[in-house]
Amino acid sequence: MRPTRGALIVAAVLTPALLLATPALAAGAAPAAPAVTATAGTDGTPVDEMSEDDLRIAILRIIADEDSGRGVVREANEALDGTVEDMREFLKTGYRLAQAEDDRVAIARILADPDSGRGVKREAGKALDVNTPEALRAFLETGYRLAQAEDDRVAIARILADPTISDALRAAAEDAIDGTPEELRYFLEVGRYEVDG
C-alpha cells in the first residue's frame, strides 16, 4: 500500500467522526453519508472536475462503507491502483456495475434461504430476470421488504386458521395482520411468543 493511500484511508475514516464531534452536529441527528454519483462528488463537484486527491477520497469512502460488498471493494481497489482516468471511470460507471454484481449475490442468497417465502422468491426472481442495476437495487431496498410482508401476512393467516390457538393469540394475530411490514415481522419473530394463554 502506498503511503498516500494509507493517509487517505485515515482521512476518509476520521472525517465523519471529527464532523460528528463538533457541537452543532453532535446535538442533532447525524448527517446522511455523502454519496458520490456519476455526475458529482460529495461537494457537488462533477467527477470530471475532481482532483486526484478528491477522487481517491471518494473511492476510499466507498471502500470504508461497511455495506460495500466484495465486488465494489475489488473494483474500487483496482481503480485506486490505476490512473486518474481509471478512478473517474469507476465513479462514473464501475461503482454502479460492481454494486449490481454484489446485489446479484445478495439476491441469490435470499433465494437460497430456506426461510424465504413464495412472495420473496417470486419478486427476487423478477429482479434477476430484469437484471439491471436499478431493478436489483430496487428489490433489495424496497421490494424485498414488501414481498416479505406479503409472506408474513400469509404466515399470520395460517396462525389464525388454526382452531386450537388461544383467544389471546388470536386477538394479537388479528391486530398484527393489518400492520406495517415491520409489525408483521415483529409479531412472527417475537410478539406471538409473548402472548399469554
N, C-alpha and C. Protein backbone atom coordinates (compact mmCIF):
# COMPACT_ATOMS: atom_id res chain seq x y z
N MET A 1 0.85 -1.16 0.00
CA MET A 1 0.00 0.00 0.00
C MET A 1 0.90 1.23 0.00
N ARG A 2 0.58 2.16 -0.89
CA ARG A 2 1.36 3.39 -0.95
C ARG A 2 1.08 4.25 0.28
N PRO A 3 2.07 5.03 0.74
CA PRO A 3 1.87 5.89 1.92
C PRO A 3 0.70 6.85 1.75
N THR A 4 0.51 7.38 0.54
CA THR A 4 -0.59 8.33 0.35
C THR A 4 -1.94 7.64 0.52
N ARG A 5 -2.04 6.38 0.09
CA ARG A 5 -3.31 5.67 0.24
C ARG A 5 -3.61 5.46 1.72
N GLY A 6 -2.59 5.15 2.51
CA GLY A 6 -2.81 4.98 3.95
C GLY A 6 -3.28 6.26 4.60
N ALA A 7 -2.69 7.38 4.21
CA ALA A 7 -3.11 8.68 4.76
C ALA A 7 -4.52 9.01 4.33
N LEU A 8 -4.85 8.69 3.08
CA LEU A 8 -6.20 8.98 2.60
C LEU A 8 -7.24 8.10 3.29
N ILE A 9 -6.91 6.85 3.57
CA ILE A 9 -7.83 5.96 4.28
C ILE A 9 -8.11 6.52 5.67
N VAL A 10 -7.06 6.94 6.34
CA VAL A 10 -7.24 7.53 7.68
C VAL A 10 -8.11 8.78 7.58
N ALA A 11 -7.87 9.62 6.60
CA ALA A 11 -8.66 10.85 6.44
C ALA A 11 -10.11 10.52 6.14
N ALA A 12 -10.35 9.54 5.26
CA ALA A 12 -11.71 9.19 4.89
C ALA A 12 -12.48 8.59 6.06
N VAL A 13 -11.80 7.84 6.90
CA VAL A 13 -12.45 7.21 8.04
C VAL A 13 -12.66 8.21 9.18
N LEU A 14 -11.69 9.07 9.41
CA LEU A 14 -11.78 10.00 10.55
C LEU A 14 -12.65 11.22 10.27
N THR A 15 -12.80 11.62 9.02
CA THR A 15 -13.56 12.83 8.71
C THR A 15 -14.97 12.79 9.28
N PRO A 16 -15.77 11.72 9.06
CA PRO A 16 -17.12 11.72 9.64
C PRO A 16 -17.09 11.77 11.17
N ALA A 17 -16.13 11.11 11.79
CA ALA A 17 -16.06 11.11 13.26
C ALA A 17 -15.73 12.50 13.77
N LEU A 18 -14.84 13.19 13.09
CA LEU A 18 -14.49 14.54 13.52
C LEU A 18 -15.65 15.51 13.30
N LEU A 19 -16.39 15.34 12.22
CA LEU A 19 -17.54 16.20 11.97
C LEU A 19 -18.61 16.01 13.04
N LEU A 20 -18.85 14.75 13.44
CA LEU A 20 -19.87 14.48 14.44
C LEU A 20 -19.44 14.94 15.82
N ALA A 21 -18.16 15.15 16.03
CA ALA A 21 -17.68 15.60 17.33
C ALA A 21 -17.90 17.10 17.54
N THR A 22 -18.23 17.82 16.47
CA THR A 22 -18.47 19.25 16.64
C THR A 22 -19.80 19.45 17.34
N PRO A 23 -19.92 20.50 18.18
CA PRO A 23 -21.12 20.69 18.98
C PRO A 23 -22.40 20.82 18.16
N ALA A 24 -22.36 21.48 17.01
CA ALA A 24 -23.58 21.68 16.24
C ALA A 24 -24.16 20.37 15.73
N LEU A 25 -23.30 19.47 15.29
CA LEU A 25 -23.79 18.21 14.77
C LEU A 25 -24.00 17.16 15.84
N ALA A 26 -23.26 17.25 16.91
CA ALA A 26 -23.39 16.26 17.97
C ALA A 26 -24.75 16.34 18.64
N ALA A 27 -25.35 17.54 18.69
CA ALA A 27 -26.64 17.71 19.36
C ALA A 27 -27.78 17.19 18.50
N GLY A 28 -27.65 17.22 17.18
CA GLY A 28 -28.74 16.80 16.31
C GLY A 28 -28.51 15.43 15.73
N ALA A 29 -29.31 15.12 14.73
CA ALA A 29 -29.17 13.84 14.06
C ALA A 29 -27.92 13.85 13.20
N ALA A 30 -27.35 12.69 13.03
CA ALA A 30 -26.15 12.58 12.21
C ALA A 30 -26.52 12.85 10.76
N PRO A 31 -25.67 13.56 10.02
CA PRO A 31 -25.96 13.82 8.62
C PRO A 31 -25.87 12.53 7.82
N ALA A 32 -26.62 12.51 6.73
CA ALA A 32 -26.58 11.34 5.85
C ALA A 32 -25.19 11.26 5.23
N ALA A 33 -24.73 10.04 5.01
CA ALA A 33 -23.42 9.85 4.39
C ALA A 33 -23.46 10.42 2.99
N PRO A 34 -22.48 11.25 2.62
CA PRO A 34 -22.49 11.83 1.29
C PRO A 34 -22.28 10.76 0.24
N ALA A 35 -23.05 10.84 -0.80
CA ALA A 35 -22.95 9.85 -1.87
C ALA A 35 -22.18 10.45 -3.04
N VAL A 36 -21.42 9.63 -3.70
CA VAL A 36 -20.72 10.05 -4.90
C VAL A 36 -21.49 9.46 -6.07
N THR A 37 -21.89 10.30 -6.98
CA THR A 37 -22.63 9.83 -8.15
C THR A 37 -21.77 10.01 -9.38
N ALA A 38 -22.29 9.59 -10.50
CA ALA A 38 -21.54 9.70 -11.75
C ALA A 38 -21.32 11.14 -12.16
N THR A 39 -22.15 12.05 -11.67
CA THR A 39 -22.03 13.43 -12.10
C THR A 39 -21.42 14.33 -11.05
N ALA A 40 -21.41 13.92 -9.79
CA ALA A 40 -20.91 14.83 -8.77
C ALA A 40 -20.28 14.09 -7.61
N GLY A 41 -19.29 14.73 -7.00
CA GLY A 41 -18.68 14.20 -5.80
C GLY A 41 -19.50 14.61 -4.59
N THR A 42 -18.95 14.43 -3.41
CA THR A 42 -19.67 14.71 -2.17
C THR A 42 -19.98 16.19 -2.02
N ASP A 43 -19.20 17.07 -2.64
CA ASP A 43 -19.44 18.50 -2.52
C ASP A 43 -20.13 19.08 -3.74
N GLY A 44 -20.59 18.24 -4.64
CA GLY A 44 -21.27 18.71 -5.85
C GLY A 44 -20.36 18.90 -7.04
N THR A 45 -19.07 18.68 -6.87
CA THR A 45 -18.12 18.82 -7.97
C THR A 45 -18.32 17.67 -8.95
N PRO A 46 -18.47 17.97 -10.25
CA PRO A 46 -18.58 16.88 -11.22
C PRO A 46 -17.33 15.99 -11.17
N VAL A 47 -17.52 14.71 -11.35
CA VAL A 47 -16.42 13.75 -11.27
C VAL A 47 -15.30 14.13 -12.24
N ASP A 48 -15.65 14.63 -13.41
CA ASP A 48 -14.63 15.02 -14.39
C ASP A 48 -13.79 16.19 -13.93
N GLU A 49 -14.27 16.95 -12.94
CA GLU A 49 -13.53 18.11 -12.45
C GLU A 49 -12.87 17.86 -11.10
N MET A 50 -13.03 16.68 -10.53
CA MET A 50 -12.45 16.37 -9.23
C MET A 50 -10.94 16.18 -9.36
N SER A 51 -10.21 16.62 -8.35
CA SER A 51 -8.76 16.42 -8.33
C SER A 51 -8.46 14.96 -8.04
N GLU A 52 -7.22 14.57 -8.25
CA GLU A 52 -6.83 13.19 -7.97
C GLU A 52 -7.07 12.84 -6.50
N ASP A 53 -6.73 13.76 -5.60
CA ASP A 53 -6.96 13.50 -4.17
C ASP A 53 -8.45 13.35 -3.86
N ASP A 54 -9.29 14.19 -4.47
CA ASP A 54 -10.73 14.08 -4.25
C ASP A 54 -11.27 12.75 -4.76
N LEU A 55 -10.76 12.32 -5.91
CA LEU A 55 -11.18 11.03 -6.46
C LEU A 55 -10.81 9.90 -5.49
N ARG A 56 -9.57 9.95 -4.99
CA ARG A 56 -9.11 8.92 -4.06
C ARG A 56 -9.96 8.90 -2.78
N ILE A 57 -10.24 10.07 -2.25
CA ILE A 57 -11.04 10.14 -1.02
C ILE A 57 -12.44 9.60 -1.27
N ALA A 58 -13.04 9.95 -2.40
CA ALA A 58 -14.38 9.45 -2.72
C ALA A 58 -14.38 7.92 -2.80
N ILE A 59 -13.37 7.36 -3.43
CA ILE A 59 -13.29 5.90 -3.56
C ILE A 59 -12.99 5.26 -2.21
N LEU A 60 -12.13 5.87 -1.42
CA LEU A 60 -11.83 5.32 -0.09
C LEU A 60 -13.05 5.34 0.82
N ARG A 61 -13.89 6.34 0.66
CA ARG A 61 -15.14 6.36 1.45
C ARG A 61 -16.05 5.20 1.05
N ILE A 62 -16.06 4.88 -0.21
CA ILE A 62 -16.85 3.75 -0.68
C ILE A 62 -16.29 2.46 -0.08
N ILE A 63 -14.97 2.31 -0.07
CA ILE A 63 -14.35 1.12 0.50
C ILE A 63 -14.62 1.03 2.00
N ALA A 64 -14.59 2.18 2.68
CA ALA A 64 -14.79 2.20 4.14
C ALA A 64 -16.24 1.94 4.54
N ASP A 65 -17.16 2.08 3.61
CA ASP A 65 -18.58 1.85 3.91
C ASP A 65 -18.78 0.37 4.21
N GLU A 66 -19.31 0.08 5.39
CA GLU A 66 -19.49 -1.32 5.80
C GLU A 66 -20.48 -2.06 4.91
N ASP A 67 -21.30 -1.35 4.13
CA ASP A 67 -22.25 -2.00 3.24
C ASP A 67 -21.65 -2.33 1.87
N SER A 68 -20.43 -1.89 1.62
CA SER A 68 -19.81 -2.21 0.33
C SER A 68 -19.46 -3.69 0.29
N GLY A 69 -19.87 -4.33 -0.79
CA GLY A 69 -19.62 -5.77 -0.95
C GLY A 69 -18.28 -6.05 -1.59
N ARG A 70 -18.02 -7.33 -1.77
CA ARG A 70 -16.73 -7.75 -2.33
C ARG A 70 -16.45 -7.19 -3.71
N GLY A 71 -17.47 -7.20 -4.57
CA GLY A 71 -17.28 -6.69 -5.92
C GLY A 71 -16.93 -5.21 -5.93
N VAL A 72 -17.63 -4.43 -5.12
CA VAL A 72 -17.37 -2.99 -5.03
C VAL A 72 -15.96 -2.75 -4.50
N VAL A 73 -15.60 -3.43 -3.44
CA VAL A 73 -14.26 -3.24 -2.84
C VAL A 73 -13.17 -3.65 -3.84
N ARG A 74 -13.38 -4.76 -4.53
CA ARG A 74 -12.39 -5.22 -5.51
C ARG A 74 -12.20 -4.19 -6.61
N GLU A 75 -13.31 -3.72 -7.19
CA GLU A 75 -13.22 -2.75 -8.29
C GLU A 75 -12.68 -1.41 -7.81
N ALA A 76 -13.04 -1.00 -6.60
CA ALA A 76 -12.53 0.26 -6.05
C ALA A 76 -11.02 0.19 -5.87
N ASN A 77 -10.53 -0.92 -5.35
CA ASN A 77 -9.08 -1.08 -5.18
C ASN A 77 -8.35 -1.09 -6.52
N GLU A 78 -8.96 -1.72 -7.52
CA GLU A 78 -8.34 -1.70 -8.85
C GLU A 78 -8.27 -0.29 -9.39
N ALA A 79 -9.34 0.49 -9.17
CA ALA A 79 -9.34 1.87 -9.63
C ALA A 79 -8.27 2.68 -8.92
N LEU A 80 -8.11 2.46 -7.61
CA LEU A 80 -7.08 3.18 -6.86
C LEU A 80 -5.68 2.84 -7.35
N ASP A 81 -5.49 1.60 -7.79
CA ASP A 81 -4.18 1.19 -8.29
C ASP A 81 -3.93 1.67 -9.72
N GLY A 82 -4.97 2.20 -10.37
CA GLY A 82 -4.84 2.63 -11.75
C GLY A 82 -4.55 4.12 -11.89
N THR A 83 -4.94 4.64 -13.01
CA THR A 83 -4.71 6.05 -13.33
C THR A 83 -5.86 6.90 -12.80
N VAL A 84 -5.71 8.20 -12.96
CA VAL A 84 -6.78 9.13 -12.59
C VAL A 84 -8.03 8.82 -13.42
N GLU A 85 -7.83 8.51 -14.68
CA GLU A 85 -8.99 8.17 -15.53
C GLU A 85 -9.67 6.88 -15.07
N ASP A 86 -8.89 5.92 -14.58
CA ASP A 86 -9.48 4.70 -14.02
C ASP A 86 -10.37 5.02 -12.82
N MET A 87 -9.91 5.96 -12.00
CA MET A 87 -10.71 6.35 -10.83
C MET A 87 -11.98 7.06 -11.26
N ARG A 88 -11.86 7.95 -12.26
CA ARG A 88 -13.06 8.63 -12.76
C ARG A 88 -14.05 7.62 -13.34
N GLU A 89 -13.53 6.69 -14.11
CA GLU A 89 -14.40 5.68 -14.73
C GLU A 89 -15.10 4.82 -13.68
N PHE A 90 -14.39 4.50 -12.60
CA PHE A 90 -15.01 3.74 -11.52
C PHE A 90 -16.18 4.51 -10.93
N LEU A 91 -15.96 5.79 -10.65
CA LEU A 91 -17.03 6.58 -10.04
C LEU A 91 -18.19 6.82 -10.99
N LYS A 92 -17.90 6.87 -12.29
CA LYS A 92 -18.97 7.11 -13.27
C LYS A 92 -19.80 5.85 -13.53
N THR A 93 -19.13 4.73 -13.78
CA THR A 93 -19.88 3.52 -14.15
C THR A 93 -19.46 2.26 -13.39
N GLY A 94 -18.19 2.16 -13.05
CA GLY A 94 -17.70 0.94 -12.42
C GLY A 94 -18.35 0.65 -11.08
N TYR A 95 -18.58 1.69 -10.29
CA TYR A 95 -19.22 1.51 -8.97
C TYR A 95 -20.61 0.92 -9.13
N ARG A 96 -21.37 1.49 -10.05
CA ARG A 96 -22.74 1.02 -10.30
C ARG A 96 -22.75 -0.45 -10.74
N LEU A 97 -21.84 -0.81 -11.62
CA LEU A 97 -21.80 -2.18 -12.12
C LEU A 97 -21.30 -3.16 -11.05
N ALA A 98 -20.32 -2.74 -10.26
CA ALA A 98 -19.83 -3.60 -9.17
C ALA A 98 -20.92 -3.77 -8.11
N GLN A 99 -21.68 -2.70 -7.84
CA GLN A 99 -22.78 -2.81 -6.88
C GLN A 99 -23.83 -3.78 -7.39
N ALA A 100 -24.09 -3.77 -8.68
CA ALA A 100 -25.05 -4.71 -9.27
C ALA A 100 -24.57 -6.15 -9.09
N GLU A 101 -23.27 -6.37 -9.23
CA GLU A 101 -22.71 -7.71 -9.01
C GLU A 101 -22.96 -8.15 -7.56
N ASP A 102 -22.68 -7.25 -6.62
CA ASP A 102 -22.92 -7.57 -5.21
C ASP A 102 -24.40 -7.78 -4.93
N ASP A 103 -25.25 -7.00 -5.58
CA ASP A 103 -26.69 -7.14 -5.39
C ASP A 103 -27.18 -8.50 -5.90
N ARG A 104 -26.63 -8.96 -7.03
CA ARG A 104 -27.00 -10.28 -7.55
C ARG A 104 -26.65 -11.38 -6.55
N VAL A 105 -25.49 -11.26 -5.94
CA VAL A 105 -25.07 -12.25 -4.94
C VAL A 105 -26.03 -12.21 -3.74
N ALA A 106 -26.38 -11.01 -3.29
CA ALA A 106 -27.30 -10.88 -2.15
C ALA A 106 -28.66 -11.50 -2.47
N ILE A 107 -29.14 -11.28 -3.68
CA ILE A 107 -30.44 -11.84 -4.07
C ILE A 107 -30.35 -13.35 -4.19
N ALA A 108 -29.25 -13.86 -4.71
CA ALA A 108 -29.07 -15.32 -4.80
C ALA A 108 -29.09 -15.94 -3.40
N ARG A 109 -28.48 -15.26 -2.43
CA ARG A 109 -28.50 -15.77 -1.05
C ARG A 109 -29.91 -15.77 -0.48
N ILE A 110 -30.69 -14.74 -0.80
CA ILE A 110 -32.08 -14.69 -0.35
C ILE A 110 -32.86 -15.85 -0.96
N LEU A 111 -32.64 -16.11 -2.24
CA LEU A 111 -33.33 -17.23 -2.90
C LEU A 111 -32.92 -18.58 -2.31
N ALA A 112 -31.69 -18.70 -1.90
CA ALA A 112 -31.19 -19.96 -1.35
C ALA A 112 -31.62 -20.17 0.10
N ASP A 113 -32.10 -19.13 0.75
CA ASP A 113 -32.51 -19.23 2.15
C ASP A 113 -33.80 -20.07 2.24
N PRO A 114 -33.78 -21.16 2.98
CA PRO A 114 -34.98 -22.00 3.07
C PRO A 114 -36.15 -21.29 3.75
N ASP A 115 -35.90 -20.20 4.47
CA ASP A 115 -36.97 -19.46 5.12
C ASP A 115 -37.63 -18.43 4.21
N SER A 116 -37.10 -18.24 3.00
CA SER A 116 -37.71 -17.30 2.06
C SER A 116 -39.03 -17.87 1.56
N GLY A 117 -40.07 -17.05 1.63
CA GLY A 117 -41.40 -17.49 1.21
C GLY A 117 -41.63 -17.31 -0.28
N ARG A 118 -42.83 -17.66 -0.70
CA ARG A 118 -43.17 -17.59 -2.12
C ARG A 118 -43.09 -16.17 -2.68
N GLY A 119 -43.63 -15.21 -1.93
CA GLY A 119 -43.61 -13.83 -2.40
C GLY A 119 -42.19 -13.31 -2.58
N VAL A 120 -41.34 -13.59 -1.62
CA VAL A 120 -39.94 -13.16 -1.71
C VAL A 120 -39.27 -13.82 -2.90
N LYS A 121 -39.46 -15.13 -3.06
CA LYS A 121 -38.82 -15.82 -4.19
C LYS A 121 -39.34 -15.31 -5.53
N ARG A 122 -40.64 -15.04 -5.61
CA ARG A 122 -41.22 -14.53 -6.85
C ARG A 122 -40.60 -13.17 -7.21
N GLU A 123 -40.57 -12.24 -6.24
CA GLU A 123 -40.05 -10.90 -6.52
C GLU A 123 -38.53 -10.91 -6.75
N ALA A 124 -37.81 -11.76 -6.05
CA ALA A 124 -36.36 -11.89 -6.28
C ALA A 124 -36.10 -12.41 -7.68
N GLY A 125 -36.89 -13.39 -8.10
CA GLY A 125 -36.76 -13.93 -9.46
C GLY A 125 -37.03 -12.88 -10.52
N LYS A 126 -38.05 -12.05 -10.29
CA LYS A 126 -38.35 -10.97 -11.23
C LYS A 126 -37.18 -10.00 -11.34
N ALA A 127 -36.59 -9.64 -10.20
CA ALA A 127 -35.46 -8.71 -10.21
C ALA A 127 -34.29 -9.30 -10.99
N LEU A 128 -34.04 -10.59 -10.78
CA LEU A 128 -32.94 -11.24 -11.51
C LEU A 128 -33.26 -11.37 -12.99
N ASP A 129 -34.53 -11.56 -13.33
CA ASP A 129 -34.91 -11.65 -14.75
C ASP A 129 -34.70 -10.30 -15.46
N VAL A 130 -35.07 -9.20 -14.81
CA VAL A 130 -34.85 -7.88 -15.40
C VAL A 130 -33.34 -7.61 -15.46
N ASN A 131 -32.64 -7.91 -14.38
CA ASN A 131 -31.18 -7.92 -14.31
C ASN A 131 -30.52 -6.59 -14.68
N THR A 132 -31.16 -5.48 -14.32
CA THR A 132 -30.49 -4.19 -14.46
C THR A 132 -30.03 -3.77 -13.06
N PRO A 133 -28.99 -2.95 -12.99
CA PRO A 133 -28.56 -2.49 -11.67
C PRO A 133 -29.70 -1.84 -10.88
N GLU A 134 -30.55 -1.10 -11.57
CA GLU A 134 -31.66 -0.42 -10.90
C GLU A 134 -32.70 -1.40 -10.37
N ALA A 135 -33.03 -2.43 -11.14
CA ALA A 135 -34.01 -3.41 -10.68
C ALA A 135 -33.49 -4.22 -9.50
N LEU A 136 -32.23 -4.58 -9.54
CA LEU A 136 -31.63 -5.33 -8.44
C LEU A 136 -31.63 -4.50 -7.15
N ARG A 137 -31.22 -3.23 -7.27
CA ARG A 137 -31.17 -2.34 -6.10
C ARG A 137 -32.58 -2.09 -5.57
N ALA A 138 -33.55 -1.89 -6.48
CA ALA A 138 -34.93 -1.63 -6.05
C ALA A 138 -35.49 -2.80 -5.26
N PHE A 139 -35.17 -4.03 -5.70
CA PHE A 139 -35.65 -5.18 -4.94
C PHE A 139 -35.06 -5.19 -3.54
N LEU A 140 -33.76 -4.97 -3.43
CA LEU A 140 -33.11 -5.02 -2.12
C LEU A 140 -33.55 -3.88 -1.21
N GLU A 141 -33.82 -2.71 -1.78
CA GLU A 141 -34.18 -1.56 -0.95
C GLU A 141 -35.65 -1.54 -0.56
N THR A 142 -36.54 -1.97 -1.46
CA THR A 142 -37.97 -1.90 -1.14
C THR A 142 -38.73 -3.19 -1.45
N GLY A 143 -38.42 -3.80 -2.57
CA GLY A 143 -39.18 -4.98 -2.99
C GLY A 143 -39.09 -6.15 -2.02
N TYR A 144 -37.93 -6.37 -1.48
CA TYR A 144 -37.74 -7.47 -0.52
C TYR A 144 -38.60 -7.26 0.71
N ARG A 145 -38.60 -6.06 1.23
CA ARG A 145 -39.39 -5.73 2.43
C ARG A 145 -40.88 -5.96 2.17
N LEU A 146 -41.36 -5.51 1.01
CA LEU A 146 -42.78 -5.66 0.69
C LEU A 146 -43.16 -7.12 0.42
N ALA A 147 -42.28 -7.85 -0.26
CA ALA A 147 -42.55 -9.27 -0.51
C ALA A 147 -42.51 -10.06 0.79
N GLN A 148 -41.60 -9.71 1.69
CA GLN A 148 -41.54 -10.36 3.00
C GLN A 148 -42.82 -10.09 3.78
N ALA A 149 -43.35 -8.88 3.67
CA ALA A 149 -44.61 -8.54 4.35
C ALA A 149 -45.75 -9.39 3.81
N GLU A 150 -45.76 -9.62 2.51
CA GLU A 150 -46.78 -10.49 1.90
C GLU A 150 -46.69 -11.90 2.48
N ASP A 151 -45.48 -12.42 2.55
CA ASP A 151 -45.28 -13.76 3.11
C ASP A 151 -45.63 -13.80 4.59
N ASP A 152 -45.33 -12.73 5.30
CA ASP A 152 -45.64 -12.67 6.74
C ASP A 152 -47.16 -12.64 6.97
N ARG A 153 -47.88 -11.94 6.11
CA ARG A 153 -49.35 -11.94 6.23
C ARG A 153 -49.92 -13.34 6.02
N VAL A 154 -49.36 -14.06 5.07
CA VAL A 154 -49.79 -15.44 4.84
C VAL A 154 -49.50 -16.30 6.08
N ALA A 155 -48.34 -16.12 6.68
CA ALA A 155 -47.98 -16.89 7.88
C ALA A 155 -48.92 -16.57 9.03
N ILE A 156 -49.28 -15.30 9.18
CA ILE A 156 -50.21 -14.92 10.25
C ILE A 156 -51.60 -15.47 9.96
N ALA A 157 -52.00 -15.45 8.69
CA ALA A 157 -53.31 -16.02 8.33
C ALA A 157 -53.35 -17.51 8.65
N ARG A 158 -52.25 -18.20 8.48
CA ARG A 158 -52.19 -19.63 8.84
C ARG A 158 -52.35 -19.82 10.35
N ILE A 159 -51.75 -18.91 11.12
CA ILE A 159 -51.92 -18.98 12.57
C ILE A 159 -53.40 -18.79 12.91
N LEU A 160 -54.04 -17.81 12.27
CA LEU A 160 -55.46 -17.54 12.53
C LEU A 160 -56.36 -18.70 12.09
N ALA A 161 -55.92 -19.46 11.10
CA ALA A 161 -56.71 -20.58 10.60
C ALA A 161 -56.67 -21.78 11.55
N ASP A 162 -55.76 -21.77 12.50
CA ASP A 162 -55.64 -22.88 13.45
C ASP A 162 -56.71 -22.72 14.53
N PRO A 163 -57.66 -23.65 14.62
CA PRO A 163 -58.74 -23.51 15.61
C PRO A 163 -58.28 -23.75 17.04
N THR A 164 -57.08 -24.25 17.24
CA THR A 164 -56.64 -24.58 18.59
C THR A 164 -55.86 -23.46 19.28
N ILE A 165 -55.68 -22.31 18.61
CA ILE A 165 -54.91 -21.24 19.25
C ILE A 165 -55.74 -20.56 20.33
N SER A 166 -55.05 -19.93 21.28
CA SER A 166 -55.74 -19.25 22.38
C SER A 166 -56.42 -17.98 21.89
N ASP A 167 -57.37 -17.51 22.67
CA ASP A 167 -58.06 -16.26 22.33
C ASP A 167 -57.08 -15.09 22.31
N ALA A 168 -56.13 -15.09 23.23
CA ALA A 168 -55.14 -14.01 23.29
C ALA A 168 -54.27 -14.00 22.05
N LEU A 169 -53.83 -15.17 21.60
CA LEU A 169 -53.01 -15.25 20.39
C LEU A 169 -53.83 -14.85 19.17
N ARG A 170 -55.09 -15.27 19.13
CA ARG A 170 -55.96 -14.90 18.01
C ARG A 170 -56.11 -13.37 17.95
N ALA A 171 -56.35 -12.74 19.09
CA ALA A 171 -56.51 -11.28 19.12
C ALA A 171 -55.22 -10.59 18.68
N ALA A 172 -54.08 -11.07 19.15
CA ALA A 172 -52.80 -10.46 18.78
C ALA A 172 -52.53 -10.64 17.29
N ALA A 173 -52.85 -11.80 16.74
CA ALA A 173 -52.64 -12.05 15.32
C ALA A 173 -53.57 -11.18 14.47
N GLU A 174 -54.81 -11.01 14.92
CA GLU A 174 -55.75 -10.16 14.19
C GLU A 174 -55.28 -8.70 14.19
N ASP A 175 -54.69 -8.26 15.29
CA ASP A 175 -54.14 -6.90 15.34
C ASP A 175 -52.93 -6.77 14.42
N ALA A 176 -52.11 -7.78 14.39
CA ALA A 176 -50.85 -7.72 13.63
C ALA A 176 -51.05 -7.83 12.13
N ILE A 177 -52.05 -8.56 11.68
CA ILE A 177 -52.16 -8.88 10.25
C ILE A 177 -52.36 -7.64 9.38
N ASP A 178 -52.88 -6.57 9.93
CA ASP A 178 -53.07 -5.35 9.14
C ASP A 178 -51.96 -4.33 9.39
N GLY A 179 -50.90 -4.73 10.06
CA GLY A 179 -49.82 -3.81 10.42
C GLY A 179 -48.84 -3.55 9.30
N THR A 180 -47.82 -2.78 9.65
CA THR A 180 -46.73 -2.47 8.72
C THR A 180 -45.86 -3.70 8.52
N PRO A 181 -45.02 -3.70 7.51
CA PRO A 181 -44.11 -4.84 7.34
C PRO A 181 -43.28 -5.12 8.60
N GLU A 182 -42.85 -4.07 9.28
CA GLU A 182 -42.05 -4.26 10.50
C GLU A 182 -42.89 -4.86 11.62
N GLU A 183 -44.15 -4.46 11.74
CA GLU A 183 -45.03 -5.02 12.77
C GLU A 183 -45.34 -6.48 12.50
N LEU A 184 -45.53 -6.82 11.23
CA LEU A 184 -45.77 -8.22 10.87
C LEU A 184 -44.58 -9.09 11.27
N ARG A 185 -43.38 -8.62 10.90
CA ARG A 185 -42.16 -9.37 11.20
C ARG A 185 -41.96 -9.49 12.71
N TYR A 186 -42.21 -8.41 13.44
CA TYR A 186 -42.05 -8.45 14.90
C TYR A 186 -43.01 -9.47 15.51
N PHE A 187 -44.24 -9.48 15.04
CA PHE A 187 -45.21 -10.43 15.60
C PHE A 187 -44.73 -11.86 15.38
N LEU A 188 -44.27 -12.17 14.18
CA LEU A 188 -43.85 -13.55 13.89
C LEU A 188 -42.58 -13.95 14.64
N GLU A 189 -41.66 -13.00 14.80
CA GLU A 189 -40.39 -13.34 15.44
C GLU A 189 -40.44 -13.25 16.97
N VAL A 190 -41.27 -12.35 17.50
CA VAL A 190 -41.26 -12.10 18.95
C VAL A 190 -42.66 -12.08 19.55
N GLY A 191 -43.53 -11.26 18.99
CA GLY A 191 -44.82 -10.98 19.60
C GLY A 191 -45.70 -12.18 19.88
N ARG A 192 -45.73 -13.12 18.96
CA ARG A 192 -46.59 -14.30 19.18
C ARG A 192 -46.12 -15.15 20.36
N TYR A 193 -44.85 -15.04 20.70
CA TYR A 193 -44.33 -15.81 21.83
C TYR A 193 -44.51 -15.09 23.15
N GLU A 194 -44.86 -13.81 23.07
CA GLU A 194 -45.08 -13.03 24.29
C GLU A 194 -46.53 -13.08 24.75
N VAL A 195 -47.42 -13.62 23.93
CA VAL A 195 -48.84 -13.66 24.28
C VAL A 195 -49.07 -14.72 25.34
N ASP A 196 -49.79 -14.35 26.38
CA ASP A 196 -50.13 -15.29 27.45
C ASP A 196 -51.36 -16.10 27.05
N GLY A 197 -51.37 -17.35 27.48
CA GLY A 197 -52.56 -18.19 27.34
C GLY A 197 -52.63 -18.80 26.03
